[in-house]
């Protein structure tokens, strides 16, 4: 009889051990998010688009590009007749050489007079005179250097260069035409760097943030959707309480051009106006007794072993993806979703990845 009792007790210990480490399915609690798609019309445009103009005036000598041409950064797009500017540069060089010669003579004279002054062979007045002449020659040489630099810059400015790689969108001038400084000559747009501009109403702008995802579909190709992100947001309304928003496009591999009409969509939380934060968990994870609704959560114990803890909750409405939990759960709680009839406070379990 004693042997039978020990055998039964041993079997019971094994069963208790197996029960103590029962594997369970779980779901990590997180704030609920009811995604709703909001769409607005938009227009594509180059992220970098500039009107190029000359810093000097002159006659267009060579027009090296046409509308639609692709150019590289540093390419000379238009060149003015540089004859007059070359003459100015040559005159500035001549003046610089003359100033250098005068400076050399003044420095030599000053050194000679300085030696005489040290030996008391000339008066202080004569010494101060040659010293002033040296300073004047130095100033003239410095001014001549600046004049050469300015003349050289004007000569360089007769070539209108591309500030970045892109495509010529518009050409506003022709060869042999006189153009003034600052008058637009070309329109240059960045290549394969397109953004989308749209406007959103005041009830939506508050939910947008720089960096959040956006989805763009072109009117000409509705079967293609591109992903982008909010890169800029206006702080003042433009038309009818609508705020400007710029969407930066990610690499698409498609041919996109400035001026295309598009639809910009955002996935926003339709319940964001509700101040009550809620969680959504599977309906089967919620149990009920005379004290109310409750769930079992797994808390870390040792290694891969977790301990079951019971939590009273306040449940909300039933949604297509689960039941809302208004109170009782914290973000990150590991809610046990299956095998609840075997759970009790303090039981040891192991977590299983995946769903039941």
Protein backbone atom coordinates (compact mmCIF):
# COMPACT_ATOMS: atom_id res chain seq x y z
CA UNK A 1 0.00 0.00 0.00
CA UNK A 2 2.89 2.33 0.86
CA UNK A 3 4.50 1.63 -2.54
CA UNK A 4 1.25 2.38 -4.36
CA UNK A 5 0.86 5.67 -2.43
CA UNK A 6 4.39 6.79 -3.36
CA UNK A 7 3.78 5.86 -7.01
CA UNK A 8 0.58 7.91 -7.09
CA UNK A 9 2.33 10.85 -5.43
CA UNK A 10 5.16 10.68 -7.97
CA UNK A 11 2.74 10.73 -10.88
CA UNK A 12 0.97 13.68 -9.33
CA UNK A 13 4.26 15.61 -9.06
CA UNK A 14 5.02 15.01 -12.73
CA UNK A 15 1.53 16.18 -13.72
CA UNK A 16 1.92 19.25 -11.52
CA UNK A 17 5.32 19.99 -13.13
CA UNK A 18 3.88 19.70 -16.63
CA UNK A 19 0.94 21.93 -15.64
CA UNK A 20 3.28 24.56 -14.19
CA UNK A 21 5.02 25.25 -17.50
CA UNK A 22 2.02 25.07 -19.82
CA UNK A 23 2.68 26.81 -23.18
CA UNK A 24 0.20 29.57 -24.07
CA UNK A 25 -0.62 31.86 -26.96
CA UNK A 26 -0.55 35.58 -26.26
CA UNK A 27 -0.95 39.04 -27.76
CA UNK A 28 0.88 42.19 -26.73
CA UNK A 29 -1.54 44.95 -25.80
CA UNK A 30 -1.23 48.24 -27.63
CA UNK A 31 -3.26 51.38 -28.20
CA UNK A 32 -6.05 50.85 -30.70
CA UNK A 33 -5.77 52.43 -34.13
CA UNK A 34 -8.84 52.74 -36.36
CA UNK A 35 -7.30 53.53 -39.75
CA UNK A 36 -9.36 55.58 -42.17
CA UNK A 37 -8.14 56.67 -45.61
CA UNK A 38 -8.35 60.38 -46.36
CA UNK A 39 -7.60 61.44 -49.95
CA UNK A 40 -6.92 64.86 -51.49
CA UNK A 41 -6.04 66.09 -55.00
CA UNK A 42 -2.45 67.08 -55.68
CA UNK A 43 -0.01 68.06 -58.41
CA UNK A 44 3.50 66.77 -59.01
CA UNK A 45 6.40 69.16 -59.32
CA UNK A 46 10.17 68.99 -59.29
CA UNK A 47 11.65 69.11 -55.80
CA UNK A 48 14.27 71.55 -57.11
CA UNK A 49 13.10 74.01 -59.75
CA UNK A 50 14.82 77.33 -60.46
CA UNK A 51 14.74 80.15 -62.99
CA UNK A 52 18.30 80.74 -64.14
CA UNK A 53 19.44 84.27 -65.00
CA UNK A 54 22.71 86.06 -65.73
CA UNK A 55 24.50 88.26 -63.19
CA UNK A 56 25.67 90.50 -66.05
CA UNK A 57 23.95 91.87 -69.13
CA UNK A 58 24.94 91.24 -72.73
CA UNK A 59 24.09 89.69 -76.08
CA UNK A 60 23.38 85.95 -76.26
CA UNK A 61 26.28 84.48 -78.24
CA UNK A 62 25.52 80.75 -77.95
CA UNK A 63 22.43 78.93 -76.69
CA UNK A 64 23.64 75.39 -75.97
CA UNK A 65 20.36 73.78 -74.85
CA UNK A 66 16.76 73.30 -75.90
CA UNK A 67 13.63 72.57 -73.92
CA UNK A 68 13.68 68.96 -72.67
CA UNK A 69 17.46 68.59 -72.71
CA UNK A 70 19.09 66.84 -69.77
CA UNK A 71 22.11 68.66 -68.39
CA UNK A 72 24.71 67.99 -65.72
CA UNK A 73 25.80 70.24 -62.89
CA UNK A 74 28.44 72.68 -64.14
CA UNK A 75 27.47 72.52 -67.83
CA UNK A 76 27.56 75.88 -69.67
CA UNK A 77 23.98 76.32 -70.85
CA UNK A 78 24.14 79.81 -72.40
CA UNK A 79 27.10 82.05 -73.20
CA UNK A 80 27.05 85.82 -73.68
CA UNK A 81 29.35 87.82 -75.94
CA UNK A 82 32.31 88.36 -73.60
CA UNK A 83 34.34 90.83 -75.72
CA UNK A 84 33.65 93.89 -73.57
CA UNK A 85 34.19 91.96 -70.33
CA UNK A 86 37.49 90.56 -71.62
CA UNK A 87 38.68 94.11 -72.38
CA UNK A 88 37.73 95.19 -68.86
CA UNK A 89 39.63 92.23 -67.45
CA UNK A 90 42.72 93.07 -69.55
CA UNK A 91 42.61 96.70 -68.41
CA UNK A 92 42.34 95.57 -64.78
CA UNK A 93 45.37 93.31 -65.23
CA UNK A 94 47.33 96.19 -66.74
CA UNK A 95 46.39 98.43 -63.82
CA UNK A 96 47.46 95.72 -61.39
CA UNK A 97 50.86 95.36 -63.04
CA UNK A 98 51.32 99.12 -62.90
CA UNK A 99 50.34 99.18 -59.21
CA UNK A 100 52.81 96.39 -58.45
CA UNK A 101 55.60 98.34 -60.19
CA UNK A 102 54.78 101.49 -58.21
CA UNK A 103 54.72 99.47 -55.00
CA UNK A 104 58.13 98.00 -55.75
CA UNK A 105 59.58 101.49 -56.35
CA UNK A 106 57.94 102.86 -53.22
CA UNK A 107 59.23 100.00 -51.09
CA UNK A 108 62.77 100.41 -52.49
CA UNK A 109 62.69 104.17 -51.83
CA UNK A 110 61.39 103.64 -48.33
CA UNK A 111 64.15 101.16 -47.47
CA UNK A 112 66.80 103.57 -48.80
CA UNK A 113 65.40 106.54 -46.88
CA UNK A 114 65.00 104.44 -43.75
CA UNK A 115 68.70 103.63 -43.72
CA UNK A 116 69.50 107.32 -44.14
CA UNK A 117 67.14 108.25 -41.34
CA UNK A 118 68.75 105.73 -39.01
CA UNK A 119 72.14 107.41 -39.71
CA UNK A 120 70.57 110.84 -39.14
CA UNK A 121 71.26 111.89 -42.74
CA UNK A 122 67.65 112.96 -43.46
CA UNK A 123 64.94 114.66 -41.46
CA UNK A 124 61.92 113.00 -39.85
CA UNK A 125 59.70 114.87 -42.31
CA UNK A 126 61.37 113.23 -45.32
CA UNK A 127 61.16 109.84 -43.64
CA UNK A 128 57.42 110.22 -42.94
CA UNK A 129 56.85 111.32 -46.56
CA UNK A 130 58.31 108.16 -48.10
CA UNK A 131 56.52 106.05 -45.49
CA UNK A 132 53.19 107.60 -46.54
CA UNK A 133 54.03 107.00 -50.20
CA UNK A 134 54.66 103.31 -49.42
CA UNK A 135 51.30 102.93 -47.68
CA UNK A 136 49.57 104.64 -50.62
CA UNK A 137 51.26 102.28 -53.09
CA UNK A 138 50.23 99.28 -51.00
CA UNK A 139 46.61 100.48 -50.98
CA UNK A 140 46.64 101.02 -54.75
CA UNK A 141 48.03 97.52 -55.28
CA UNK A 142 45.32 96.04 -53.05
CA UNK A 143 42.59 97.95 -54.91
CA UNK A 144 43.98 96.79 -58.26
CA UNK A 145 43.85 93.16 -57.09
CA UNK A 146 40.16 93.61 -56.18
CA UNK A 147 39.46 95.19 -59.57
CA UNK A 148 41.02 92.21 -61.34
CA UNK A 149 38.96 89.80 -59.26
CA UNK A 150 35.74 91.70 -60.07
CA UNK A 151 36.56 91.86 -63.79
CA UNK A 152 37.40 88.16 -63.80
CA UNK A 153 34.08 87.34 -62.11
CA UNK A 154 32.16 89.33 -64.72
CA UNK A 155 33.99 87.44 -67.43
CA UNK A 156 33.04 84.12 -65.79
CA UNK A 157 29.43 85.26 -65.39
CA UNK A 158 29.05 85.44 -69.18
CA UNK A 159 28.63 81.66 -69.03
CA UNK A 160 25.36 80.54 -67.41
CA UNK A 161 26.05 77.18 -65.70
CA UNK A 162 23.67 74.51 -64.38
CA UNK A 163 23.69 74.50 -60.56
CA UNK A 164 22.54 70.87 -60.44
CA UNK A 165 21.78 67.94 -62.74
CA UNK A 166 18.33 68.27 -64.24
CA UNK A 167 16.17 68.89 -67.28
CA UNK A 168 15.47 72.17 -69.10
CA UNK A 169 11.75 72.89 -68.71
CA UNK A 170 11.59 76.28 -70.43
CA UNK A 171 13.78 78.53 -72.59
CA UNK A 172 12.98 82.25 -72.50
CA UNK A 173 15.72 83.64 -74.75
CA UNK A 174 17.15 83.27 -78.26
CA UNK A 175 20.59 83.74 -79.78
CA UNK A 176 21.63 87.33 -80.65
CA UNK A 177 19.07 88.64 -78.16
CA UNK A 178 20.07 91.31 -75.66
CA UNK A 179 19.37 90.18 -72.10
CA UNK A 180 19.68 92.15 -68.89
CA UNK A 181 21.12 91.01 -65.58
CA UNK A 182 18.53 89.16 -63.49
CA UNK A 183 16.14 88.47 -66.38
CA UNK A 184 15.10 84.75 -66.46
CA UNK A 185 16.81 82.86 -69.25
CA UNK A 186 16.01 79.19 -68.52
CA UNK A 187 13.91 77.03 -66.23
CA UNK A 188 15.81 74.07 -64.75
CA UNK A 189 14.12 71.24 -62.84
CA UNK A 190 15.72 68.40 -60.91
CA UNK A 191 15.82 65.01 -62.60
CA UNK A 192 13.90 62.07 -61.05
CA UNK A 193 13.32 64.02 -57.86
CA UNK A 194 9.60 64.69 -57.83
CA UNK A 195 7.38 65.87 -54.98
CA UNK A 196 3.62 66.27 -54.74
CA UNK A 197 1.87 69.38 -53.46
CA UNK A 198 -1.61 69.18 -52.00
CA UNK A 199 -3.84 71.02 -49.53
CA UNK A 200 -5.72 69.52 -46.58
CA UNK A 201 -8.58 70.99 -44.50
CA UNK A 202 -8.19 72.32 -40.97
CA UNK A 203 -9.73 69.22 -39.36
CA UNK A 204 -7.00 67.02 -40.88
CA UNK A 205 -3.85 69.16 -40.73
CA UNK A 206 -3.52 68.60 -36.98
CA UNK A 207 -3.18 64.83 -37.49
CA UNK A 208 -0.32 65.12 -39.98
CA UNK A 209 3.32 65.16 -38.98
CA UNK A 210 6.53 65.62 -40.95
CA UNK A 211 7.90 62.20 -41.85
CA UNK A 212 4.60 60.27 -41.76
CA UNK A 213 3.72 58.01 -44.70
CA UNK A 214 1.57 59.09 -47.63
CA UNK A 215 0.37 57.25 -50.73
CA UNK A 216 0.21 58.79 -54.19
CA UNK A 217 -1.70 57.56 -57.22
CA UNK A 218 -1.46 59.35 -60.57
CA UNK A 219 -4.61 60.23 -62.48
CA UNK A 220 -3.01 58.90 -65.66
CA UNK A 221 -2.07 55.59 -64.01
CA UNK A 222 -4.48 54.69 -61.22
CA UNK A 223 -3.19 51.10 -61.07
CA UNK A 224 0.16 52.35 -59.75
CA UNK A 225 0.54 53.66 -56.20
CA UNK A 226 3.74 55.26 -54.93
CA UNK A 227 4.81 55.67 -51.32
CA UNK A 228 6.06 58.98 -50.01
CA UNK A 229 6.35 60.94 -46.80
CA UNK A 230 5.27 64.35 -45.55
CA UNK A 231 8.29 66.63 -46.02
CA UNK A 232 6.77 70.08 -45.48
CA UNK A 233 3.63 71.49 -43.86
CA UNK A 234 2.27 75.03 -44.09
CA UNK A 235 1.28 76.83 -40.91
CA UNK A 236 -1.17 79.27 -42.50
CA UNK A 237 -4.29 78.50 -44.54
CA UNK A 238 -4.37 79.38 -48.23
CA UNK A 239 -7.81 78.88 -49.78
CA UNK A 240 -10.98 78.02 -47.84
CA UNK A 241 -9.12 77.00 -44.65
CA UNK A 242 -6.91 74.57 -46.55
CA UNK A 243 -3.26 74.15 -45.55
CA UNK A 244 -0.44 73.34 -48.00
CA UNK A 245 1.37 70.02 -47.59
CA UNK A 246 4.36 68.74 -49.59
CA UNK A 247 4.89 65.01 -50.09
CA UNK A 248 8.42 63.83 -50.84
CA UNK A 249 8.43 60.91 -53.27
CA UNK A 250 10.62 57.88 -52.67
CA UNK A 251 12.42 56.22 -55.59
CA UNK A 252 9.76 54.83 -57.89
CA UNK A 253 11.55 53.75 -61.06
CA UNK A 254 8.67 55.28 -63.05
CA UNK A 255 8.71 58.26 -65.41
CA UNK A 256 7.25 61.12 -63.41
CA UNK A 257 7.01 64.65 -64.74
CA UNK A 258 6.24 67.97 -63.18
CA UNK A 259 2.61 69.07 -63.52
CA UNK A 260 0.92 65.64 -63.35
CA UNK A 261 -2.34 65.44 -61.39
CA UNK A 262 -2.40 62.96 -58.53
CA UNK A 263 -4.36 61.80 -55.51
CA UNK A 264 -2.65 61.92 -52.12
CA UNK A 265 -3.93 59.57 -49.39
CA UNK A 266 -3.20 59.35 -45.69
CA UNK A 267 -4.12 56.56 -43.25
CA UNK A 268 -5.27 58.39 -40.14
CA UNK A 269 -6.78 57.37 -36.84
CA UNK A 270 -10.48 58.16 -37.09
CA UNK A 271 -10.82 57.86 -33.32
CA UNK A 272 -8.04 60.34 -32.57
CA UNK A 273 -10.61 62.88 -31.38
CA UNK A 274 -11.65 60.50 -28.57
CA UNK A 275 -9.73 61.35 -25.43
CA UNK A 276 -10.27 57.88 -23.97
CA UNK A 277 -7.37 55.64 -24.85
CA UNK A 278 -8.28 52.01 -25.49
CA UNK A 279 -6.67 48.69 -26.30
CA UNK A 280 -7.99 46.05 -28.66
CA UNK A 281 -7.48 42.36 -27.85
CA UNK A 282 -9.17 39.17 -29.11
CA UNK A 283 -12.68 38.68 -27.72
CA UNK A 284 -11.79 35.16 -26.54
CA UNK A 285 -9.13 36.59 -24.21
CA UNK A 286 -11.77 38.20 -21.97
CA UNK A 287 -13.42 36.21 -19.17
CA UNK A 288 -16.29 37.17 -16.85
CA UNK A 289 -17.37 36.35 -13.32
CA UNK A 290 -19.38 38.00 -10.54
CA UNK A 291 -16.60 40.60 -10.08
CA UNK A 292 -16.77 41.64 -13.75
CA UNK A 293 -14.56 41.22 -16.79
CA UNK A 294 -10.95 40.14 -16.44
CA UNK A 295 -7.99 38.86 -18.45
CA UNK A 296 -4.87 36.84 -17.70
CA UNK A 297 -1.50 38.40 -18.46
CA UNK A 298 1.94 36.79 -18.43
CA UNK A 299 4.68 38.52 -16.45
CA UNK A 300 8.41 37.60 -16.71
CA UNK A 301 9.77 35.31 -14.02
CA UNK A 302 12.95 33.36 -14.75
CA UNK A 303 14.46 32.85 -18.19
CA UNK A 304 11.70 31.80 -20.58
CA UNK A 305 9.24 31.12 -17.77
CA UNK A 306 6.40 33.58 -17.11
CA UNK A 307 3.91 33.86 -14.24
CA UNK A 308 0.17 34.34 -14.82
CA UNK A 309 -1.50 37.37 -13.25
CA UNK A 310 -5.20 38.17 -13.30
CA UNK A 311 -6.26 41.73 -14.15
CA UNK A 312 -9.71 43.24 -13.81
CA UNK A 313 -10.66 45.31 -16.86
CA UNK A 314 -13.34 47.63 -18.15
CA UNK A 315 -14.30 46.51 -21.64
CA UNK A 316 -15.75 48.69 -24.37
CA UNK A 317 -17.39 48.03 -27.69
CA UNK A 318 -16.81 45.09 -29.99
CA UNK A 319 -14.92 45.90 -33.19
CA UNK A 320 -14.28 43.76 -36.30
CA UNK A 321 -10.77 43.00 -35.00
CA UNK A 322 -11.51 42.44 -31.31
CA UNK A 323 -12.92 43.99 -28.16
CA UNK A 324 -11.90 47.37 -26.79
CA UNK A 325 -10.37 47.51 -23.30
CA UNK A 326 -10.81 50.95 -21.77
CA UNK A 327 -9.23 50.32 -18.36
CA UNK A 328 -7.08 47.73 -16.64
CA UNK A 329 -4.42 47.09 -19.29
CA UNK A 330 -1.17 48.90 -19.99
CA UNK A 331 0.60 49.15 -23.29
CA UNK A 332 2.95 46.16 -23.63
CA UNK A 333 0.99 43.77 -21.36
CA UNK A 334 1.20 40.16 -22.63
CA UNK A 335 -2.43 39.03 -22.72
CA UNK A 336 -3.02 35.27 -22.79
CA UNK A 337 -5.46 34.55 -25.60
CA UNK A 338 -6.10 30.78 -25.41
CA UNK A 339 -6.56 28.02 -22.82
CA UNK A 340 -8.06 30.37 -20.25
CA UNK A 341 -9.88 27.58 -18.38
CA UNK A 342 -6.49 26.21 -17.33
CA UNK A 343 -5.19 29.59 -16.10
CA UNK A 344 -5.04 30.83 -12.51
CA UNK A 345 -3.09 33.47 -10.57
CA UNK A 346 0.55 32.49 -10.14
CA UNK A 347 0.66 29.66 -12.67
CA UNK A 348 3.90 29.27 -14.62
CA UNK A 349 3.67 29.30 -18.40
CA UNK A 350 5.81 29.58 -21.52
CA UNK A 351 4.91 31.85 -24.43
CA UNK A 352 4.30 30.57 -27.92
CA UNK A 353 4.92 32.76 -30.98
CA UNK A 354 2.12 32.96 -33.50
CA UNK A 355 -1.60 32.66 -33.21
CA UNK A 356 -3.78 29.76 -32.24
